[in-house]
Amino acid sequence: MKIYLKQFVHIALALLIVSGLTGCYGTIHMKEEDSEEKKTIDTQSVKRGQQMYQDQCQACHGESAAGDGEKADQFDPKPANLLKPGLHITTTGLESIVDFPHYSSEAIRRRIRHGAADMPGFKDNFNETEVLDIVNYLKFRQLQAPETEK
């Protein structure tokens, strides 16, 4: 994937900001999941994840995963658009994950399990297999997004 100068500058600036926020107490990871190997997803897991997403996540994140669910207006900031491309920073505890162009599987997993600044954790709601199923569903949705959203 080519990263153009403007995108590189945005990434570098975001890394600088995050490093300032986390100081010496945190770490920053740059995740990239564009390899064909990582695009292979278990269809049964995706189906289970879709059902769990509809039951547990859709009210806030919406059917489209764009952060426009029926309860979205109750939050400030609003729930994240999980499919929107761009620079995404996930901070859980003392660690930050910087993702481009989409949320990585690890960032989604950590947000579900431990929450983030704008989302509570749900580690008591899902076991690891269920979290993986939701992650696989969202990664599948990312792969199916129209080119303009990638």
N, C-alpha and C. Protein backbone atom coordinates (compact mmCIF):
# COMPACT_ATOMS: atom_id res chain seq x y z
N MET A 1 0.84 -1.17 0.00
CA MET A 1 0.00 0.00 0.00
C MET A 1 0.88 1.24 0.00
N LYS A 2 0.57 2.20 -0.84
CA LYS A 2 1.33 3.44 -0.89
C LYS A 2 0.75 4.41 0.12
N ILE A 3 1.63 5.01 0.85
CA ILE A 3 1.20 6.07 1.76
C ILE A 3 1.76 7.37 1.18
N TYR A 4 0.90 8.26 0.83
CA TYR A 4 1.31 9.51 0.22
C TYR A 4 1.84 10.45 1.29
N LEU A 5 2.58 11.46 0.87
CA LEU A 5 3.24 12.38 1.78
C LEU A 5 2.26 13.00 2.77
N LYS A 6 1.10 13.43 2.29
CA LYS A 6 0.11 14.04 3.18
C LYS A 6 -0.34 13.06 4.25
N GLN A 7 -0.60 11.81 3.86
CA GLN A 7 -1.00 10.79 4.83
C GLN A 7 0.13 10.51 5.81
N PHE A 8 1.36 10.46 5.30
CA PHE A 8 2.51 10.22 6.17
C PHE A 8 2.64 11.33 7.21
N VAL A 9 2.45 12.57 6.79
CA VAL A 9 2.54 13.70 7.71
C VAL A 9 1.47 13.58 8.78
N HIS A 10 0.25 13.20 8.39
CA HIS A 10 -0.82 13.02 9.38
C HIS A 10 -0.48 11.91 10.37
N ILE A 11 0.06 10.82 9.87
CA ILE A 11 0.44 9.71 10.75
C ILE A 11 1.55 10.15 11.70
N ALA A 12 2.56 10.82 11.16
CA ALA A 12 3.67 11.28 12.00
C ALA A 12 3.19 12.24 13.07
N LEU A 13 2.30 13.15 12.70
CA LEU A 13 1.75 14.10 13.67
C LEU A 13 0.95 13.38 14.75
N ALA A 14 0.14 12.42 14.35
CA ALA A 14 -0.65 11.66 15.32
C ALA A 14 0.25 10.88 16.26
N LEU A 15 1.31 10.28 15.73
CA LEU A 15 2.25 9.55 16.58
C LEU A 15 2.91 10.48 17.58
N LEU A 16 3.24 11.67 17.15
CA LEU A 16 3.85 12.65 18.03
C LEU A 16 2.88 13.04 19.15
N ILE A 17 1.62 13.27 18.79
CA ILE A 17 0.60 13.63 19.79
C ILE A 17 0.39 12.48 20.77
N VAL A 18 0.25 11.26 20.25
CA VAL A 18 0.02 10.11 21.11
C VAL A 18 1.22 9.88 22.03
N SER A 19 2.41 10.01 21.49
CA SER A 19 3.59 9.80 22.33
C SER A 19 3.64 10.84 23.43
N GLY A 20 3.19 12.06 23.14
CA GLY A 20 3.14 13.08 24.17
C GLY A 20 2.09 12.76 25.22
N LEU A 21 0.96 12.19 24.78
CA LEU A 21 -0.10 11.83 25.72
C LEU A 21 0.29 10.64 26.59
N THR A 22 0.93 9.66 25.99
CA THR A 22 1.26 8.46 26.76
C THR A 22 2.56 8.62 27.52
N GLY A 23 3.41 9.56 27.10
CA GLY A 23 4.67 9.80 27.79
C GLY A 23 5.49 8.53 27.87
N CYS A 24 6.22 8.41 28.94
CA CYS A 24 7.06 7.22 29.09
C CYS A 24 6.27 6.05 29.64
N TYR A 25 4.99 6.23 29.92
CA TYR A 25 4.18 5.18 30.51
C TYR A 25 3.50 4.27 29.50
N GLY A 26 3.49 4.65 28.25
CA GLY A 26 2.77 3.86 27.26
C GLY A 26 3.63 3.48 26.08
N THR A 27 3.06 2.67 25.21
CA THR A 27 3.74 2.28 23.99
C THR A 27 2.80 2.52 22.83
N ILE A 28 3.38 2.63 21.66
CA ILE A 28 2.59 2.87 20.46
C ILE A 28 2.90 1.76 19.47
N HIS A 29 1.86 1.18 18.91
CA HIS A 29 2.02 0.15 17.90
C HIS A 29 1.42 0.66 16.60
N MET A 30 2.09 0.37 15.50
CA MET A 30 1.51 0.67 14.19
C MET A 30 1.11 -0.66 13.61
N LYS A 31 -0.17 -0.86 13.40
CA LYS A 31 -0.68 -2.13 12.90
C LYS A 31 -1.03 -1.99 11.43
N GLU A 32 -0.72 -2.99 10.66
CA GLU A 32 -1.10 -3.03 9.25
C GLU A 32 -1.56 -4.42 8.93
N GLU A 33 -2.75 -4.55 8.41
CA GLU A 33 -3.32 -5.86 8.16
C GLU A 33 -3.76 -6.02 6.71
N ASP A 34 -2.89 -5.73 5.78
CA ASP A 34 -3.27 -5.81 4.38
C ASP A 34 -2.84 -7.09 3.68
N SER A 35 -2.14 -7.98 4.38
CA SER A 35 -1.69 -9.19 3.70
C SER A 35 -2.88 -10.10 3.39
N GLU A 36 -2.76 -10.85 2.31
CA GLU A 36 -3.84 -11.77 1.93
C GLU A 36 -4.10 -12.80 3.01
N GLU A 37 -3.02 -13.23 3.67
CA GLU A 37 -3.15 -14.22 4.74
C GLU A 37 -4.08 -13.73 5.84
N LYS A 38 -4.00 -12.46 6.20
CA LYS A 38 -4.82 -11.91 7.27
C LYS A 38 -6.24 -11.60 6.81
N LYS A 39 -6.52 -11.68 5.52
CA LYS A 39 -7.86 -11.43 5.03
C LYS A 39 -8.71 -12.69 4.99
N THR A 40 -8.15 -13.84 5.40
CA THR A 40 -8.89 -15.09 5.45
C THR A 40 -9.65 -15.14 6.77
N ILE A 41 -10.97 -15.20 6.69
CA ILE A 41 -11.80 -15.17 7.89
C ILE A 41 -12.75 -16.36 7.87
N ASP A 42 -12.90 -17.01 8.99
CA ASP A 42 -13.81 -18.14 9.17
C ASP A 42 -15.26 -17.66 9.05
N THR A 43 -15.98 -18.16 8.05
CA THR A 43 -17.35 -17.70 7.79
C THR A 43 -18.31 -18.02 8.94
N GLN A 44 -18.10 -19.13 9.63
CA GLN A 44 -18.95 -19.46 10.77
C GLN A 44 -18.73 -18.46 11.90
N SER A 45 -17.48 -18.08 12.10
CA SER A 45 -17.16 -17.08 13.11
C SER A 45 -17.82 -15.75 12.75
N VAL A 46 -17.78 -15.38 11.47
CA VAL A 46 -18.40 -14.13 11.02
C VAL A 46 -19.89 -14.16 11.30
N LYS A 47 -20.55 -15.27 11.04
CA LYS A 47 -22.00 -15.39 11.28
C LYS A 47 -22.32 -15.25 12.77
N ARG A 48 -21.52 -15.91 13.61
CA ARG A 48 -21.74 -15.79 15.06
C ARG A 48 -21.47 -14.35 15.51
N GLY A 49 -20.42 -13.76 14.98
CA GLY A 49 -20.08 -12.38 15.32
C GLY A 49 -21.15 -11.39 14.89
N GLN A 50 -21.75 -11.64 13.73
CA GLN A 50 -22.82 -10.77 13.26
C GLN A 50 -23.99 -10.80 14.23
N GLN A 51 -24.35 -11.98 14.69
CA GLN A 51 -25.47 -12.09 15.64
C GLN A 51 -25.14 -11.38 16.95
N MET A 52 -23.93 -11.58 17.46
CA MET A 52 -23.54 -10.91 18.71
C MET A 52 -23.48 -9.40 18.53
N TYR A 53 -22.97 -8.96 17.37
CA TYR A 53 -22.92 -7.53 17.09
C TYR A 53 -24.34 -6.95 17.09
N GLN A 54 -25.26 -7.63 16.42
CA GLN A 54 -26.64 -7.16 16.37
C GLN A 54 -27.26 -7.10 17.76
N ASP A 55 -26.97 -8.09 18.58
CA ASP A 55 -27.55 -8.17 19.93
C ASP A 55 -26.91 -7.19 20.91
N GLN A 56 -25.59 -6.98 20.80
CA GLN A 56 -24.86 -6.26 21.84
C GLN A 56 -24.25 -4.92 21.42
N CYS A 57 -23.99 -4.71 20.15
CA CYS A 57 -23.22 -3.55 19.71
C CYS A 57 -24.02 -2.58 18.84
N GLN A 58 -25.00 -3.10 18.14
CA GLN A 58 -25.71 -2.33 17.13
C GLN A 58 -26.46 -1.13 17.71
N ALA A 59 -26.94 -1.23 18.94
CA ALA A 59 -27.70 -0.13 19.53
C ALA A 59 -26.87 1.15 19.59
N CYS A 60 -25.57 1.01 19.79
CA CYS A 60 -24.69 2.18 19.85
C CYS A 60 -23.99 2.44 18.51
N HIS A 61 -23.40 1.40 17.94
CA HIS A 61 -22.60 1.57 16.72
C HIS A 61 -23.44 1.54 15.44
N GLY A 62 -24.67 1.09 15.53
CA GLY A 62 -25.57 1.11 14.38
C GLY A 62 -25.41 -0.10 13.48
N GLU A 63 -26.44 -0.32 12.67
CA GLU A 63 -26.43 -1.44 11.72
C GLU A 63 -25.25 -1.31 10.75
N SER A 64 -24.93 -0.09 10.38
CA SER A 64 -23.85 0.15 9.42
C SER A 64 -22.47 0.19 10.09
N ALA A 65 -22.41 0.09 11.41
CA ALA A 65 -21.17 0.20 12.21
C ALA A 65 -20.56 1.59 12.11
N ALA A 66 -21.37 2.58 11.73
CA ALA A 66 -20.88 3.95 11.54
C ALA A 66 -21.03 4.81 12.80
N GLY A 67 -21.38 4.19 13.93
CA GLY A 67 -21.54 4.95 15.17
C GLY A 67 -22.85 5.70 15.23
N ASP A 68 -23.84 5.22 14.46
CA ASP A 68 -25.11 5.93 14.36
C ASP A 68 -26.29 5.10 14.87
N GLY A 69 -26.06 4.30 15.90
CA GLY A 69 -27.13 3.48 16.45
C GLY A 69 -28.17 4.31 17.18
N GLU A 70 -29.25 3.66 17.57
CA GLU A 70 -30.36 4.37 18.23
C GLU A 70 -29.96 5.03 19.55
N LYS A 71 -28.93 4.51 20.21
CA LYS A 71 -28.46 5.09 21.48
C LYS A 71 -27.26 6.02 21.30
N ALA A 72 -26.80 6.22 20.09
CA ALA A 72 -25.57 6.99 19.83
C ALA A 72 -25.64 8.41 20.37
N ASP A 73 -26.81 9.03 20.31
CA ASP A 73 -26.96 10.41 20.76
C ASP A 73 -26.80 10.57 22.27
N GLN A 74 -26.81 9.46 23.00
CA GLN A 74 -26.65 9.52 24.46
C GLN A 74 -25.18 9.66 24.87
N PHE A 75 -24.26 9.58 23.91
CA PHE A 75 -22.84 9.58 24.23
C PHE A 75 -22.12 10.80 23.66
N ASP A 76 -21.15 11.29 24.41
CA ASP A 76 -20.28 12.35 23.95
C ASP A 76 -18.87 12.01 24.39
N PRO A 77 -18.01 11.60 23.51
CA PRO A 77 -18.18 11.57 22.06
C PRO A 77 -19.08 10.41 21.63
N LYS A 78 -19.59 10.52 20.42
CA LYS A 78 -20.45 9.47 19.86
C LYS A 78 -19.65 8.20 19.64
N PRO A 79 -20.31 7.04 19.56
CA PRO A 79 -19.59 5.78 19.29
C PRO A 79 -18.80 5.87 17.98
N ALA A 80 -17.70 5.14 17.95
CA ALA A 80 -16.80 5.18 16.79
C ALA A 80 -17.44 4.59 15.54
N ASN A 81 -17.08 5.17 14.40
CA ASN A 81 -17.40 4.59 13.11
C ASN A 81 -16.35 3.51 12.87
N LEU A 82 -16.73 2.26 12.97
CA LEU A 82 -15.78 1.15 12.93
C LEU A 82 -15.31 0.79 11.53
N LEU A 83 -15.93 1.36 10.51
CA LEU A 83 -15.56 1.04 9.13
C LEU A 83 -14.91 2.20 8.40
N LYS A 84 -14.90 3.38 8.99
CA LYS A 84 -14.36 4.56 8.32
C LYS A 84 -12.84 4.49 8.22
N PRO A 85 -12.31 4.66 7.02
CA PRO A 85 -10.85 4.66 6.89
C PRO A 85 -10.26 5.94 7.47
N GLY A 86 -9.03 5.85 7.86
CA GLY A 86 -8.34 7.01 8.41
C GLY A 86 -7.36 6.57 9.47
N LEU A 87 -6.89 7.50 10.24
CA LEU A 87 -5.96 7.23 11.32
C LEU A 87 -6.78 7.01 12.58
N HIS A 88 -6.63 5.86 13.21
CA HIS A 88 -7.40 5.52 14.40
C HIS A 88 -6.45 5.29 15.57
N ILE A 89 -6.75 5.91 16.68
CA ILE A 89 -5.93 5.75 17.88
C ILE A 89 -6.80 5.12 18.95
N THR A 90 -6.37 3.98 19.47
CA THR A 90 -7.07 3.28 20.54
C THR A 90 -6.16 3.28 21.76
N THR A 91 -6.62 3.87 22.85
CA THR A 91 -5.85 3.90 24.08
C THR A 91 -6.60 3.09 25.12
N THR A 92 -5.95 2.04 25.60
CA THR A 92 -6.53 1.21 26.66
C THR A 92 -5.49 1.12 27.76
N GLY A 93 -5.81 1.68 28.90
CA GLY A 93 -4.84 1.68 29.99
C GLY A 93 -3.64 2.53 29.62
N LEU A 94 -2.46 1.94 29.67
CA LEU A 94 -1.23 2.68 29.39
C LEU A 94 -0.70 2.44 27.99
N GLU A 95 -1.47 1.78 27.15
CA GLU A 95 -0.98 1.45 25.82
C GLU A 95 -1.87 2.06 24.76
N SER A 96 -1.24 2.55 23.70
CA SER A 96 -1.98 3.10 22.57
C SER A 96 -1.65 2.30 21.33
N ILE A 97 -2.67 2.08 20.49
CA ILE A 97 -2.49 1.41 19.22
C ILE A 97 -2.89 2.41 18.14
N VAL A 98 -2.02 2.62 17.17
CA VAL A 98 -2.31 3.53 16.07
C VAL A 98 -2.53 2.67 14.84
N ASP A 99 -3.70 2.81 14.23
CA ASP A 99 -4.06 2.00 13.06
C ASP A 99 -4.33 2.88 11.85
N PHE A 100 -3.93 2.38 10.70
CA PHE A 100 -4.22 3.03 9.42
C PHE A 100 -4.29 1.95 8.37
N PRO A 101 -5.26 1.87 7.51
CA PRO A 101 -6.38 2.79 7.33
C PRO A 101 -7.61 2.40 8.13
N HIS A 102 -7.66 1.20 8.71
CA HIS A 102 -8.81 0.75 9.48
C HIS A 102 -8.36 0.28 10.85
N TYR A 103 -9.32 0.15 11.77
CA TYR A 103 -9.01 -0.44 13.06
C TYR A 103 -8.45 -1.84 12.85
N SER A 104 -7.38 -2.17 13.55
CA SER A 104 -6.81 -3.51 13.48
C SER A 104 -7.64 -4.46 14.34
N SER A 105 -7.45 -5.74 14.10
CA SER A 105 -8.13 -6.76 14.91
C SER A 105 -7.78 -6.58 16.38
N GLU A 106 -6.52 -6.31 16.67
CA GLU A 106 -6.09 -6.15 18.06
C GLU A 106 -6.75 -4.94 18.71
N ALA A 107 -6.86 -3.84 17.98
CA ALA A 107 -7.50 -2.65 18.55
C ALA A 107 -8.98 -2.91 18.84
N ILE A 108 -9.65 -3.59 17.93
CA ILE A 108 -11.07 -3.92 18.15
C ILE A 108 -11.20 -4.85 19.34
N ARG A 109 -10.35 -5.87 19.41
CA ARG A 109 -10.38 -6.82 20.52
C ARG A 109 -10.19 -6.10 21.86
N ARG A 110 -9.20 -5.23 21.91
CA ARG A 110 -8.94 -4.51 23.17
C ARG A 110 -10.08 -3.57 23.54
N ARG A 111 -10.66 -2.91 22.54
CA ARG A 111 -11.80 -2.03 22.83
C ARG A 111 -12.96 -2.82 23.42
N ILE A 112 -13.24 -3.98 22.86
CA ILE A 112 -14.34 -4.81 23.37
C ILE A 112 -14.02 -5.28 24.79
N ARG A 113 -12.83 -5.82 24.99
CA ARG A 113 -12.47 -6.40 26.29
C ARG A 113 -12.28 -5.34 27.37
N HIS A 114 -11.52 -4.28 27.06
CA HIS A 114 -11.06 -3.35 28.09
C HIS A 114 -11.65 -1.96 27.97
N GLY A 115 -12.36 -1.70 26.88
CA GLY A 115 -12.91 -0.36 26.67
C GLY A 115 -11.82 0.59 26.19
N ALA A 116 -12.18 1.82 26.08
CA ALA A 116 -11.26 2.89 25.68
C ALA A 116 -11.82 4.17 26.29
N ALA A 117 -11.20 5.27 26.00
CA ALA A 117 -11.64 6.53 26.60
C ALA A 117 -13.11 6.80 26.31
N ASP A 118 -13.58 6.37 25.14
CA ASP A 118 -14.95 6.67 24.73
C ASP A 118 -15.88 5.45 24.74
N MET A 119 -15.44 4.36 25.38
CA MET A 119 -16.26 3.14 25.39
C MET A 119 -15.93 2.30 26.63
N PRO A 120 -16.96 1.81 27.32
CA PRO A 120 -16.69 0.94 28.47
C PRO A 120 -16.20 -0.44 28.00
N GLY A 121 -15.53 -1.15 28.88
CA GLY A 121 -15.09 -2.50 28.58
C GLY A 121 -16.21 -3.51 28.77
N PHE A 122 -16.13 -4.61 28.01
CA PHE A 122 -17.15 -5.65 28.08
C PHE A 122 -16.52 -7.02 28.34
N LYS A 123 -15.41 -7.04 29.09
CA LYS A 123 -14.72 -8.31 29.31
C LYS A 123 -15.56 -9.33 30.05
N ASP A 124 -16.52 -8.87 30.83
CA ASP A 124 -17.39 -9.80 31.55
C ASP A 124 -18.57 -10.27 30.70
N ASN A 125 -18.78 -9.64 29.54
CA ASN A 125 -19.91 -9.98 28.68
C ASN A 125 -19.60 -11.07 27.66
N PHE A 126 -18.32 -11.16 27.25
CA PHE A 126 -17.94 -12.07 26.17
C PHE A 126 -16.70 -12.87 26.56
N ASN A 127 -16.66 -14.15 26.17
CA ASN A 127 -15.43 -14.90 26.32
C ASN A 127 -14.53 -14.60 25.11
N GLU A 128 -13.32 -15.12 25.09
CA GLU A 128 -12.37 -14.80 24.01
C GLU A 128 -12.87 -15.23 22.64
N THR A 129 -13.54 -16.38 22.56
CA THR A 129 -14.07 -16.84 21.27
C THR A 129 -15.14 -15.89 20.76
N GLU A 130 -16.00 -15.42 21.64
CA GLU A 130 -17.05 -14.48 21.23
C GLU A 130 -16.46 -13.15 20.78
N VAL A 131 -15.42 -12.68 21.48
CA VAL A 131 -14.75 -11.45 21.07
C VAL A 131 -14.14 -11.64 19.68
N LEU A 132 -13.49 -12.77 19.46
CA LEU A 132 -12.89 -13.06 18.15
C LEU A 132 -13.97 -13.09 17.06
N ASP A 133 -15.13 -13.65 17.37
CA ASP A 133 -16.22 -13.69 16.40
C ASP A 133 -16.68 -12.27 16.01
N ILE A 134 -16.80 -11.39 17.01
CA ILE A 134 -17.19 -10.01 16.71
C ILE A 134 -16.11 -9.31 15.89
N VAL A 135 -14.85 -9.53 16.27
CA VAL A 135 -13.73 -8.95 15.51
C VAL A 135 -13.77 -9.44 14.07
N ASN A 136 -13.96 -10.74 13.88
CA ASN A 136 -14.01 -11.29 12.52
C ASN A 136 -15.17 -10.70 11.72
N TYR A 137 -16.30 -10.50 12.35
CA TYR A 137 -17.44 -9.88 11.66
C TYR A 137 -17.08 -8.46 11.21
N LEU A 138 -16.48 -7.68 12.10
CA LEU A 138 -16.13 -6.30 11.74
C LEU A 138 -15.03 -6.26 10.69
N LYS A 139 -14.07 -7.16 10.76
CA LYS A 139 -13.02 -7.20 9.73
C LYS A 139 -13.63 -7.61 8.39
N PHE A 140 -14.59 -8.52 8.40
CA PHE A 140 -15.30 -8.90 7.18
C PHE A 140 -16.02 -7.69 6.60
N ARG A 141 -16.68 -6.93 7.47
CA ARG A 141 -17.38 -5.71 7.02
C ARG A 141 -16.40 -4.71 6.41
N GLN A 142 -15.21 -4.59 7.01
CA GLN A 142 -14.20 -3.69 6.45
C GLN A 142 -13.80 -4.13 5.05
N LEU A 143 -13.62 -5.43 4.87
CA LEU A 143 -13.21 -5.94 3.57
C LEU A 143 -14.31 -5.78 2.53
N GLN A 144 -15.57 -5.78 2.96
CA GLN A 144 -16.70 -5.65 2.05
C GLN A 144 -17.10 -4.21 1.77
N ALA A 145 -16.48 -3.27 2.49
CA ALA A 145 -16.85 -1.86 2.34
C ALA A 145 -16.54 -1.39 0.91
N PRO A 146 -17.35 -0.50 0.38
CA PRO A 146 -17.08 0.03 -0.96
C PRO A 146 -15.69 0.68 -1.01
N GLU A 147 -15.09 0.71 -2.18
CA GLU A 147 -13.74 1.26 -2.35
C GLU A 147 -13.61 2.67 -1.77
N THR A 148 -14.67 3.45 -1.83
CA THR A 148 -14.59 4.82 -1.33
C THR A 148 -14.43 4.84 0.18
N GLU A 149 -14.79 3.75 0.86
CA GLU A 149 -14.67 3.68 2.32
C GLU A 149 -13.39 3.01 2.75
N LYS A 150 -12.63 2.43 1.84
CA LYS A 150 -11.41 1.71 2.23
C LYS A 150 -10.23 2.62 2.34
